[in-house]
Structure formats: structure tokens, C-alpha cells
Protein backbone atom coordinates (compact mmCIF):
# COMPACT_ATOMS: atom_id res chain seq x y z
CA MET A 1 -80.85 -35.48 -68.69
CA VAL A 2 -79.23 -31.98 -69.22
CA LYS A 3 -80.48 -29.10 -66.78
CA GLY A 4 -80.13 -25.42 -68.27
CA ASN A 5 -76.70 -24.65 -69.47
CA GLN A 6 -74.60 -27.15 -68.01
CA PRO A 7 -72.81 -29.49 -70.70
CA SER A 8 -73.20 -33.21 -70.39
CA SER A 9 -70.31 -35.24 -70.19
CA SER A 10 -70.88 -36.41 -73.37
CA SER A 11 -70.91 -33.13 -74.98
CA ILE A 12 -67.39 -31.63 -73.84
CA GLN A 13 -64.76 -31.27 -76.62
CA THR A 14 -61.22 -30.85 -76.16
CA ASN A 15 -59.81 -28.99 -78.69
CA PHE A 16 -55.99 -29.83 -78.36
CA SER A 17 -53.62 -29.61 -81.23
CA LEU A 18 -50.16 -30.44 -81.24
CA GLN A 19 -47.78 -28.24 -83.20
CA PRO A 20 -44.15 -29.14 -84.42
CA PHE A 21 -41.24 -27.82 -81.70
CA SER A 22 -37.67 -26.96 -82.97
CA LEU A 23 -34.97 -25.75 -81.08
CA ASN A 24 -32.59 -23.48 -82.88
CA LEU A 25 -29.35 -23.17 -81.54
CA LEU A 26 -27.40 -21.84 -84.35
CA THR A 27 -29.24 -18.36 -84.58
CA PRO A 28 -28.19 -15.23 -82.54
CA LYS A 29 -30.45 -13.91 -80.65
CA PRO A 30 -31.18 -10.21 -80.71
CA THR A 31 -29.43 -8.40 -77.75
CA LEU A 32 -30.79 -5.32 -76.17
CA HIS A 33 -27.89 -2.85 -75.11
CA LEU A 34 -28.68 -0.28 -72.64
CA HIS A 35 -26.53 2.85 -72.51
CA LYS A 36 -25.75 4.79 -69.36
CA MET A 37 -26.78 8.20 -69.63
CA ALA A 38 -25.02 11.02 -68.24
CA THR A 39 -26.46 11.86 -64.90
CA SER A 40 -25.73 12.69 -61.25
CA GLY A 41 -24.05 10.48 -58.79
CA SER A 42 -27.27 9.37 -57.42
CA GLY A 43 -28.12 7.28 -60.39
CA GLN A 44 -24.74 5.36 -60.53
CA SER A 45 -26.07 3.33 -57.61
CA SER A 46 -27.49 0.01 -57.96
CA VAL A 47 -28.49 -0.22 -54.46
CA GLY A 48 -31.64 1.43 -53.27
CA ASN A 49 -34.16 3.40 -54.61
CA ARG A 50 -32.70 6.35 -56.43
CA SER A 51 -34.83 9.16 -54.32
CA LEU A 52 -32.41 7.86 -51.58
CA TYR A 53 -29.38 9.47 -52.83
CA GLU A 54 -31.07 12.93 -53.46
CA ALA A 55 -28.98 15.86 -51.87
CA GLY A 56 -31.88 17.29 -50.32
CA ASP A 57 -31.30 15.82 -46.82
CA GLN A 58 -27.12 15.56 -47.31
CA ARG A 59 -26.67 19.27 -47.48
CA ASN A 60 -24.62 21.40 -45.01
CA VAL A 61 -26.82 23.30 -42.26
CA PRO A 62 -27.13 26.99 -42.90
CA VAL A 63 -25.07 29.40 -41.00
CA SER A 64 -27.87 31.23 -39.51
CA GLU A 65 -29.54 28.05 -37.95
CA LEU A 66 -26.58 27.24 -36.48
CA LYS A 67 -26.14 30.46 -34.34
CA GLU A 68 -29.70 29.95 -33.10
CA ARG A 69 -28.77 26.75 -31.64
CA ALA A 70 -28.02 26.24 -27.98
CA ARG A 71 -24.06 25.77 -27.37
CA TYR A 72 -23.31 22.70 -26.13
CA ALA A 73 -20.40 23.68 -23.87
CA GLU A 74 -22.28 26.55 -21.78
CA GLY A 75 -24.66 24.01 -20.30
CA LEU A 76 -26.97 25.23 -17.45
CA PRO A 77 -25.70 26.34 -14.21
CA THR A 78 -26.99 23.54 -12.79
CA SER A 79 -25.86 21.06 -15.29
CA HIS A 80 -22.81 19.76 -13.83
CA LYS A 81 -21.92 18.78 -10.26
CA ASN A 82 -18.53 19.80 -8.80
CA LEU A 83 -17.97 16.30 -7.01
CA ASP A 84 -18.46 14.41 -10.54
CA SER A 85 -15.34 12.54 -10.95
CA LYS A 86 -16.85 11.59 -14.46
CA ASP A 87 -17.67 14.93 -15.53
CA GLY A 88 -14.51 16.26 -17.46
CA ARG A 89 -15.73 19.75 -17.74
CA SER A 90 -16.09 19.59 -13.99
CA ILE A 91 -12.52 18.44 -13.37
CA ALA A 92 -11.50 21.13 -16.00
CA ASN A 93 -13.47 24.05 -14.20
CA LYS A 94 -11.73 22.77 -10.76
CA LEU A 95 -8.28 22.88 -12.44
CA ALA A 96 -8.83 26.27 -13.80
CA SER A 97 -10.32 27.59 -10.39
CA GLN A 98 -6.86 26.24 -8.77
CA GLU A 99 -4.82 28.07 -11.12
CA ASN A 100 -6.17 31.48 -10.18
CA LYS A 101 -5.73 30.74 -6.61
CA PRO A 102 -2.13 31.60 -5.15
CA ASP A 103 -0.17 28.57 -3.65
CA PRO A 104 -0.13 28.59 0.12
CA SER A 105 3.25 27.15 0.21
CA HIS A 106 4.78 29.71 -1.60
CA HIS A 107 6.98 32.30 0.33
CA HIS A 108 5.70 35.13 -1.57
CA ASN A 109 1.97 34.71 -0.64
CA ASN A 110 1.02 36.25 2.40
CA GLU A 111 -1.53 33.92 3.48
CA TYR A 112 -1.41 32.81 6.90
CA ASP A 113 -1.91 29.30 8.02
CA ALA A 114 -2.59 28.57 11.64
CA GLU A 115 -1.66 25.07 11.57
CA ALA A 116 1.33 25.03 9.32
CA GLU A 117 2.82 27.45 11.48
CA MET A 118 1.89 25.43 14.64
CA SER A 119 3.72 22.64 13.03
CA LYS A 120 6.62 24.41 12.62
CA GLN A 121 6.54 25.22 16.22
CA ASN A 122 5.81 21.24 17.23
CA PRO A 123 5.00 18.61 14.87
CA THR A 124 2.57 16.97 16.80
CA LYS A 125 0.23 19.64 18.04
CA PRO A 126 -1.99 20.02 15.05
CA ALA A 127 -2.68 16.15 15.04
CA GLU A 128 -3.22 16.34 18.85
CA GLN A 129 -5.12 19.65 18.69
CA HIS A 130 -7.69 17.51 16.47
CA GLY A 131 -8.04 15.03 19.19
CA ASN A 132 -5.53 12.26 16.81
CA ALA A 133 -2.14 10.29 17.14
CA PRO A 134 0.43 11.90 15.83
CA SER A 135 1.46 10.74 12.47
CA LYS A 136 5.07 8.42 12.71
CA GLY A 137 6.39 11.24 10.41
CA ALA A 138 5.15 13.93 12.81
CA ARG A 139 6.98 11.96 15.66
CA ILE A 140 10.22 11.46 13.97
CA ASP A 141 10.31 15.16 13.20
CA ALA A 142 9.56 16.33 17.03
CA GLU A 143 12.59 14.05 17.86
CA LEU A 144 14.91 15.58 14.90
CA LYS A 145 13.59 18.90 16.06
CA ALA A 146 14.32 18.21 20.10
CA ASP A 147 17.75 16.89 18.90
CA ASP A 148 18.77 20.04 16.88
CA GLU A 149 17.74 22.12 19.86
CA GLN A 150 19.77 20.11 22.02
CA ARG A 151 23.22 20.30 19.76
CA LEU A 152 22.39 24.17 19.57
CA GLN A 153 22.37 24.58 23.27
CA GLU A 154 25.38 22.29 23.71
CA LYS A 155 27.24 24.64 21.21
CA GLY A 156 25.62 27.47 23.23
CA ILE A 157 24.07 29.32 20.27
CA LYS A 158 20.59 28.80 21.44
CA HIS A 159 19.56 29.54 25.22
């Protein structure tokens, strides 16, 4: 029994036909030659999309835009800590400020250092004044100074 448009199993026909197949290896195949056209360097790349190599985003920034940018070396007044040991510019600033200061140990500078003068009189006095024990070097300096004064008194040079 066939209902509607459905074919019955007996009414299905097959339409297969066999055609002879030949393999001819001796005839040359036509080849397709593609010639490269003279284009910019962006067309020569075989990697990526051509639009990646356009010069739009690879050009130098105009000088007017460079002048408008904030300068890196200046920084903000609080951007560098003077005590930061890893901040190279702070270290450079410290060195530059020290160069401007006169050397207090130099004889031409008229700065007066009370502790230096005190240590010339008695090498152990600055440490004792601060409540510390004098260093070994200060004790040796005091002994040498006492020996020098004793020799000068023996020679009659110093009273």
C-alpha cells in the first residue's frame, strides 16, 4: 500500500552508470604562472594579513605632539624619595647637591666644627661627651698626643 507521495520499495530505481576511467600520465598538465607585481614592501610578506604591514601606525610621532607630552626626567616634586637607595635620580641629586657644598675638612673653608676642634684638643672627649666609650683609635691618639707633649716638655719647648 502506497500512501501519498512516498515511493514504495519496489518503485525505487537506481541510476548508476559506469564510465571508463583512464589515467594518462604522459600528457603535460597546463601550469598556472603567477607573476608578482611591483608593490610596496608590505605585499612581499607571506605571513599575516596585508593590512598589518601598512605604514599608518609605524610612522614617527610629530614633533608638535612630542612637545605636548609630559617630560619624563622632571617628575613631580614628591615623586622621588631622597632616602630611596634604588632611585638613581635621587642618588644623582644627592651627589649634585654635595658637590655644591664646600668640603669642611679643607683648610680654605671657614666652617667651624666644634667637635673637630674638640678632638684636636682631646681625641676621646667627643665620644665621652656623647656618653659613649672612646674608640680604640681615639685612645691611641690620646696616648700619642700625651707622649708628644711629654717629650716636648722634656726638651723644654712646651711648658
